[in-house]
N, C-alpha and C. Protein backbone atom coordinates (compact mmCIF):
# COMPACT_ATOMS: atom_id res chain seq x y z
N MET A 1 -70.98 -2.31 21.94
CA MET A 1 -70.24 -2.10 22.04
C MET A 1 -70.11 -0.61 21.98
N SER A 2 -69.57 0.29 22.57
CA SER A 2 -69.46 1.85 22.65
C SER A 2 -69.05 1.94 21.72
N ALA A 3 -68.91 3.23 20.84
CA ALA A 3 -68.24 3.90 19.98
C ALA A 3 -67.87 4.57 20.41
N THR A 4 -66.51 5.19 21.31
CA THR A 4 -66.26 6.26 21.83
C THR A 4 -64.66 6.98 21.08
N THR A 5 -64.61 7.75 20.49
CA THR A 5 -63.45 7.62 19.47
C THR A 5 -62.84 9.21 20.44
N THR A 6 -61.49 8.91 20.44
CA THR A 6 -60.50 9.85 21.22
C THR A 6 -59.68 11.14 20.06
N GLU A 7 -59.89 12.20 20.31
CA GLU A 7 -59.03 13.01 19.70
C GLU A 7 -57.96 13.31 19.95
N VAL A 8 -57.08 13.13 18.79
CA VAL A 8 -56.00 14.14 20.00
C VAL A 8 -56.08 15.65 18.89
N ALA A 9 -55.57 16.11 20.41
CA ALA A 9 -55.53 18.07 19.92
C ALA A 9 -53.88 18.36 19.02
N PRO A 10 -54.32 18.86 18.17
CA PRO A 10 -53.53 19.27 17.73
C PRO A 10 -52.04 20.22 18.65
N VAL A 11 -51.15 19.49 18.40
CA VAL A 11 -50.04 20.16 19.63
C VAL A 11 -49.10 21.14 18.33
N LEU A 12 -48.87 21.88 19.30
CA LEU A 12 -47.75 23.66 18.75
C LEU A 12 -46.46 23.28 18.99
N ALA A 13 -46.16 23.16 17.58
CA ALA A 13 -44.73 22.75 17.33
C ALA A 13 -43.70 23.66 18.46
N PRO A 14 -42.46 23.49 19.09
CA PRO A 14 -42.27 24.10 19.95
C PRO A 14 -41.12 25.04 19.72
N ALA A 15 -40.96 25.60 18.11
CA ALA A 15 -39.92 25.50 17.26
C ALA A 15 -40.76 26.87 16.91
N ALA A 16 -42.01 26.83 16.91
CA ALA A 16 -42.61 28.19 16.06
C ALA A 16 -42.44 29.47 17.88
N THR A 17 -42.68 28.47 19.14
CA THR A 17 -42.87 29.84 20.53
C THR A 17 -41.15 29.99 20.59
N ALA A 18 -40.26 29.16 20.03
CA ALA A 18 -38.75 29.68 20.32
C ALA A 18 -38.18 30.41 19.49
N SER A 19 -38.81 30.54 18.31
CA SER A 19 -38.40 31.60 17.57
C SER A 19 -39.28 32.90 17.17
N LYS A 20 -38.64 33.93 18.42
CA LYS A 20 -39.84 34.75 18.35
C LYS A 20 -39.59 36.12 17.51
N PRO A 21 -40.38 36.77 16.87
CA PRO A 21 -39.79 37.84 15.78
C PRO A 21 -38.84 38.95 16.56
N LEU A 22 -38.06 39.51 15.80
CA LEU A 22 -36.87 40.38 16.89
C LEU A 22 -37.23 41.99 16.48
N GLY A 23 -38.34 41.70 15.38
CA GLY A 23 -38.66 43.42 14.99
C GLY A 23 -37.20 43.92 14.27
N MET A 24 -37.41 44.88 13.87
CA MET A 24 -36.52 45.84 13.35
C MET A 24 -35.20 46.30 14.12
N ARG A 25 -34.33 45.83 13.59
CA ARG A 25 -32.92 46.55 14.19
C ARG A 25 -32.90 48.37 14.56
N VAL A 26 -32.13 48.38 15.44
CA VAL A 26 -32.13 50.35 16.08
C VAL A 26 -31.46 50.38 15.05
N ASN A 27 -30.59 49.54 14.39
CA ASN A 27 -29.03 50.61 13.17
C ASN A 27 -30.06 50.81 12.11
N GLY A 28 -30.51 50.19 11.96
CA GLY A 28 -31.20 49.40 10.34
C GLY A 28 -30.31 48.74 9.87
N LYS A 29 -29.57 48.30 10.27
CA LYS A 29 -28.67 46.89 9.14
C LYS A 29 -29.52 45.70 9.28
N GLN A 30 -30.38 45.22 8.54
CA GLN A 30 -31.34 44.06 8.65
C GLN A 30 -30.66 43.15 8.38
N TRP A 31 -29.80 43.28 7.40
CA TRP A 31 -28.84 42.82 6.56
C TRP A 31 -28.39 42.14 7.38
N HIS A 32 -27.12 42.21 8.67
CA HIS A 32 -26.76 41.79 9.42
C HIS A 32 -26.79 40.95 10.24
N ALA A 33 -26.29 39.24 10.96
CA ALA A 33 -26.51 38.87 11.70
C ALA A 33 -26.67 39.11 13.01
N PRO A 34 -27.99 38.91 13.59
CA PRO A 34 -28.19 39.58 15.09
C PRO A 34 -26.75 38.94 15.56
N LYS A 35 -26.60 40.43 16.23
CA LYS A 35 -24.95 39.67 17.82
C LYS A 35 -25.53 39.13 18.40
N LYS A 36 -25.07 38.14 19.89
CA LYS A 36 -25.18 37.93 20.78
C LYS A 36 -24.39 38.13 22.19
N ALA A 37 -25.17 38.08 23.19
CA ALA A 37 -24.77 38.41 24.22
C ALA A 37 -22.92 38.30 24.50
N PHE A 38 -22.36 39.20 24.64
CA PHE A 38 -20.45 38.79 25.07
C PHE A 38 -20.55 38.70 26.47
N ARG A 39 -20.01 37.06 26.49
CA ARG A 39 -19.69 36.42 27.24
C ARG A 39 -18.56 36.02 28.07
N PRO A 40 -17.31 37.08 28.64
CA PRO A 40 -16.36 36.88 28.52
C PRO A 40 -15.54 35.02 28.98
N THR A 41 -15.98 34.42 29.70
CA THR A 41 -15.87 33.54 30.72
C THR A 41 -16.24 32.16 29.66
N LYS A 42 -17.22 32.74 28.63
CA LYS A 42 -17.47 31.51 27.43
C LYS A 42 -16.34 29.83 27.09
N GLY A 43 -14.86 30.95 26.73
CA GLY A 43 -14.13 30.40 26.28
C GLY A 43 -12.75 29.48 27.18
N LEU A 44 -12.97 29.87 28.42
CA LEU A 44 -12.20 29.35 29.85
C LEU A 44 -12.66 27.94 30.01
N THR A 45 -11.18 27.49 29.54
CA THR A 45 -11.69 25.82 30.56
C THR A 45 -10.71 25.39 32.14
N SER A 46 -11.23 24.74 32.33
CA SER A 46 -10.66 24.37 33.65
C SER A 46 -9.27 23.78 33.33
N TYR A 47 -8.41 23.71 34.27
CA TYR A 47 -7.07 23.46 34.30
C TYR A 47 -6.63 21.94 34.11
N GLU A 48 -7.49 21.31 34.68
CA GLU A 48 -7.39 19.64 34.47
C GLU A 48 -7.99 19.18 32.82
N ALA A 49 -8.38 20.30 32.25
CA ALA A 49 -8.88 20.32 30.64
C ALA A 49 -8.00 20.25 30.54
N ARG A 50 -6.82 21.73 30.32
CA ARG A 50 -5.86 21.73 29.06
C ARG A 50 -4.45 20.76 29.73
N VAL A 51 -5.01 20.72 31.00
CA VAL A 51 -3.52 19.27 30.69
C VAL A 51 -3.99 17.87 30.07
N LYS A 52 -5.18 17.89 30.43
CA LYS A 52 -5.44 16.57 29.59
C LYS A 52 -5.50 17.01 27.67
N LEU A 53 -5.67 17.88 27.28
CA LEU A 53 -5.51 18.51 26.04
C LEU A 53 -3.96 18.34 25.53
N ARG A 54 -3.22 18.80 26.86
CA ARG A 54 -1.66 18.79 26.53
C ARG A 54 -1.15 18.22 26.06
N ALA A 55 -1.10 16.55 27.46
CA ALA A 55 -1.12 15.80 27.43
C ALA A 55 -1.73 14.56 26.19
N ASP A 56 -2.69 14.84 25.38
CA ASP A 56 -3.72 13.86 24.39
C ASP A 56 -2.61 14.64 23.50
N GLN A 57 -1.88 16.15 23.17
CA GLN A 57 -1.15 16.70 21.81
C GLN A 57 0.07 15.89 21.94
N ALA A 58 0.68 16.28 23.03
CA ALA A 58 2.19 15.23 22.99
C ALA A 58 1.79 13.64 22.66
N ALA A 59 1.48 13.24 23.52
CA ALA A 59 1.11 11.93 22.30
C ALA A 59 0.81 11.66 21.43
N MET A 60 0.12 12.71 20.71
CA MET A 60 -0.16 12.69 18.96
C MET A 60 0.90 13.17 18.66
N LYS A 61 1.66 13.82 19.19
CA LYS A 61 2.78 14.51 18.70
C LYS A 61 4.30 13.47 18.38
N ALA A 62 4.34 12.51 19.12
CA ALA A 62 5.28 11.57 19.71
C ALA A 62 4.48 10.70 19.00
N LYS A 63 3.56 10.53 18.63
CA LYS A 63 2.91 8.99 17.39
C LYS A 63 3.61 9.52 16.46
N GLU A 64 3.26 10.78 15.66
CA GLU A 64 3.53 11.22 14.28
C GLU A 64 5.37 11.58 14.29
N LYS A 65 5.24 12.18 15.23
CA LYS A 65 7.01 11.54 14.93
C LYS A 65 7.39 10.47 14.51
N GLU A 66 7.62 9.56 15.63
CA GLU A 66 7.77 7.96 15.83
C GLU A 66 7.60 7.52 14.08
N MET A 67 6.18 7.76 13.51
CA MET A 67 5.99 7.01 12.30
C MET A 67 6.79 7.72 10.97
N LYS A 68 7.18 9.00 11.16
CA LYS A 68 8.07 9.67 10.49
C LYS A 68 9.19 9.06 10.69
N GLU A 69 9.74 8.75 11.83
CA GLU A 69 11.41 8.36 12.17
C GLU A 69 11.05 7.03 10.92
N GLU A 70 10.53 5.90 11.22
CA GLU A 70 10.13 4.63 11.09
C GLU A 70 9.90 4.74 8.93
N LYS A 71 9.25 5.91 8.34
CA LYS A 71 9.20 5.69 6.92
C LYS A 71 10.43 6.53 6.42
N GLU A 72 11.20 7.31 6.94
CA GLU A 72 12.67 7.66 6.99
C GLU A 72 13.32 6.18 6.79
N ALA A 73 13.76 6.22 7.49
CA ALA A 73 14.32 4.62 7.92
C ALA A 73 14.20 3.47 7.38
N GLU A 74 13.21 3.31 6.67
CA GLU A 74 12.33 2.34 5.59
C GLU A 74 13.14 3.05 4.35
N ARG A 75 13.52 4.12 3.66
CA ARG A 75 13.67 4.98 2.73
C ARG A 75 15.22 5.08 2.59
N LYS A 76 15.72 5.04 3.79
CA LYS A 76 17.28 5.20 3.17
C LYS A 76 17.55 3.58 3.49
N LYS A 77 17.09 2.89 4.20
CA LYS A 77 17.15 1.49 4.15
C LYS A 77 17.16 0.99 2.26
N ARG A 78 15.88 1.34 1.72
CA ARG A 78 15.96 1.11 0.12
C ARG A 78 17.08 1.80 -0.23
N THR A 79 17.73 3.12 -0.03
CA THR A 79 18.28 3.92 -1.14
C THR A 79 19.90 2.60 -0.84
N GLN A 80 20.31 2.61 0.31
CA GLN A 80 21.40 2.02 0.93
C GLN A 80 20.86 0.68 -0.12
N ALA A 81 19.89 -0.27 -0.27
CA ALA A 81 20.48 -1.86 -0.69
C ALA A 81 20.59 -1.65 -2.05
N LEU A 82 20.25 -0.27 -2.50
CA LEU A 82 20.11 0.43 -4.36
C LEU A 82 21.49 0.74 -4.03
N LYS A 83 22.34 1.88 -3.45
CA LYS A 83 23.43 1.66 -3.85
C LYS A 83 24.63 0.58 -3.58
N GLU A 84 24.33 -0.40 -2.68
CA GLU A 84 24.88 -1.32 -2.47
C GLU A 84 24.82 -2.68 -4.10
N LYS A 85 23.82 -2.20 -4.32
CA LYS A 85 23.13 -3.52 -5.36
C LYS A 85 24.46 -2.51 -6.68
N ARG A 86 24.50 -1.53 -6.93
CA ARG A 86 24.54 -1.05 -8.23
C ARG A 86 26.65 -1.03 -7.72
N ALA A 87 26.82 -0.61 -6.79
CA ALA A 87 28.42 -0.51 -6.56
C ALA A 87 28.49 -2.55 -6.74
N ALA A 88 27.82 -3.55 -6.33
CA ALA A 88 28.15 -5.09 -6.95
C ALA A 88 28.88 -5.25 -8.16
N LYS A 89 27.15 -4.54 -8.98
CA LYS A 89 26.89 -4.60 -10.48
C LYS A 89 28.35 -3.78 -10.90
N GLU A 90 28.91 -2.91 -10.66
CA GLU A 90 29.63 -1.77 -11.21
C GLU A 90 31.67 -2.92 -10.94
N GLU A 91 31.67 -3.65 -9.55
CA GLU A 91 32.50 -4.53 -9.07
C GLU A 91 32.83 -5.42 -10.11
N LYS A 92 31.43 -6.09 -10.53
CA LYS A 92 31.52 -7.06 -11.28
C LYS A 92 31.62 -6.74 -13.04
N GLU A 93 31.48 -6.12 -13.39
CA GLU A 93 31.68 -5.53 -14.44
C GLU A 93 32.87 -5.09 -15.05
N ARG A 94 33.79 -4.12 -13.70
CA ARG A 94 35.56 -4.28 -14.12
C ARG A 94 35.92 -5.73 -13.50
N TYR A 95 35.85 -6.23 -13.11
CA TYR A 95 36.11 -7.53 -12.44
C TYR A 95 35.59 -8.67 -14.27
N GLU A 96 35.16 -8.25 -15.13
CA GLU A 96 34.47 -8.97 -16.40
C GLU A 96 35.67 -8.64 -17.46
N LYS A 97 36.12 -7.44 -17.27
CA LYS A 97 36.54 -6.84 -17.95
C LYS A 97 38.19 -6.92 -17.95
N ILE A 98 38.36 -7.15 -16.78
CA ILE A 98 39.94 -7.28 -16.25
C ILE A 98 40.15 -9.21 -16.66
N ALA A 99 38.85 -9.54 -16.51
CA ALA A 99 39.10 -10.97 -16.95
C ALA A 99 39.51 -11.94 -18.12
N GLU A 100 38.49 -10.41 -19.55
CA GLU A 100 38.79 -10.15 -20.70
C GLU A 100 41.09 -10.69 -20.67
N LYS A 101 41.41 -9.71 -20.13
CA LYS A 101 42.60 -9.39 -20.78
C LYS A 101 43.73 -10.37 -19.90
N MET A 102 43.16 -10.48 -18.90
CA MET A 102 44.50 -11.45 -17.72
C MET A 102 43.43 -12.96 -17.67
N HIS A 103 44.31 -13.64 -17.21
CA HIS A 103 44.07 -15.27 -16.53
C HIS A 103 43.07 -15.18 -15.94
N LYS A 104 42.12 -16.14 -15.92
CA LYS A 104 41.47 -16.03 -14.83
C LYS A 104 41.88 -16.61 -13.10
N LYS A 105 43.03 -17.43 -12.67
CA LYS A 105 43.37 -17.62 -11.22
C LYS A 105 43.86 -15.85 -11.33
N ARG A 106 44.87 -15.13 -11.90
CA ARG A 106 45.37 -14.22 -11.66
C ARG A 106 44.54 -13.29 -11.20
N VAL A 107 43.35 -13.24 -12.05
CA VAL A 107 41.87 -12.19 -11.45
C VAL A 107 41.49 -12.45 -10.28
N GLU A 108 41.01 -13.62 -9.38
CA GLU A 108 40.97 -14.54 -8.22
C GLU A 108 41.58 -14.44 -7.43
N ARG A 109 42.85 -13.62 -7.62
CA ARG A 109 44.10 -13.65 -6.72
C ARG A 109 43.72 -12.34 -6.62
N LEU A 110 43.54 -11.53 -7.60
CA LEU A 110 43.43 -9.75 -7.29
C LEU A 110 41.91 -9.14 -6.43
N LYS A 111 40.92 -10.22 -6.96
CA LYS A 111 39.80 -10.00 -5.42
C LYS A 111 40.25 -10.38 -4.51
N ARG A 112 40.89 -11.63 -4.19
CA ARG A 112 41.45 -11.93 -2.94
C ARG A 112 42.23 -10.74 -1.56
N LYS A 113 43.27 -10.14 -2.64
CA LYS A 113 44.27 -9.34 -2.18
C LYS A 113 43.11 -7.94 -2.27
N GLU A 114 42.29 -7.54 -3.21
CA GLU A 114 41.69 -6.55 -2.77
C GLU A 114 40.75 -6.48 -1.48
N LYS A 115 39.74 -7.63 -1.34
CA LYS A 115 39.36 -7.17 -0.24
C LYS A 115 39.89 -7.65 0.59
N ARG A 116 41.21 -7.99 1.22
CA ARG A 116 41.94 -7.72 2.50
C ARG A 116 42.40 -6.58 2.51
N ASN A 117 42.69 -5.70 1.61
CA ASN A 117 43.17 -4.51 1.38
C ASN A 117 42.28 -3.41 2.13
N LYS A 118 40.77 -3.77 2.00
CA LYS A 118 39.02 -3.20 2.11
C LYS A 118 39.30 -3.43 3.26
N LEU A 119 39.34 -4.76 4.12
CA LEU A 119 39.48 -5.04 5.48
C LEU A 119 39.85 -4.34 6.51
N ILE A 120 41.75 -3.76 6.05
CA ILE A 120 42.69 -3.22 6.40
C ILE A 120 41.79 -1.95 6.62
N ASN A 121 42.02 -1.16 5.34
CA ASN A 121 41.97 0.15 5.42
C ASN A 121 40.24 0.67 6.26
N SER A 122 39.06 -0.21 6.47
CA SER A 122 37.88 0.29 6.80
C SER A 122 37.83 0.14 8.22
């Protein structure tokens, strides 16, 4: 068997060649970051890209609005249920107070009469 050895030559890192020394700045302000070339057309996008971006933003805004409306509806539903529950409790307590003074059958008649009046007025 032959004893051939293959040696790999050290490869220079491409980073070493990419970052060349800039030397002294002309104005002498080495602490400032180096300036880049002014490219006035760098930020410009095509019309199709702008239209797509606007459509995406409009869709996102519509979704956010829908989510907010759902949240607000849920909140209103909870508050309405709470108000109805409190009103029912107050009415029950009121009838209990009346029942202490009056006969049971008369209280029942008053309830029915008040319900008829509510239906007529509403």
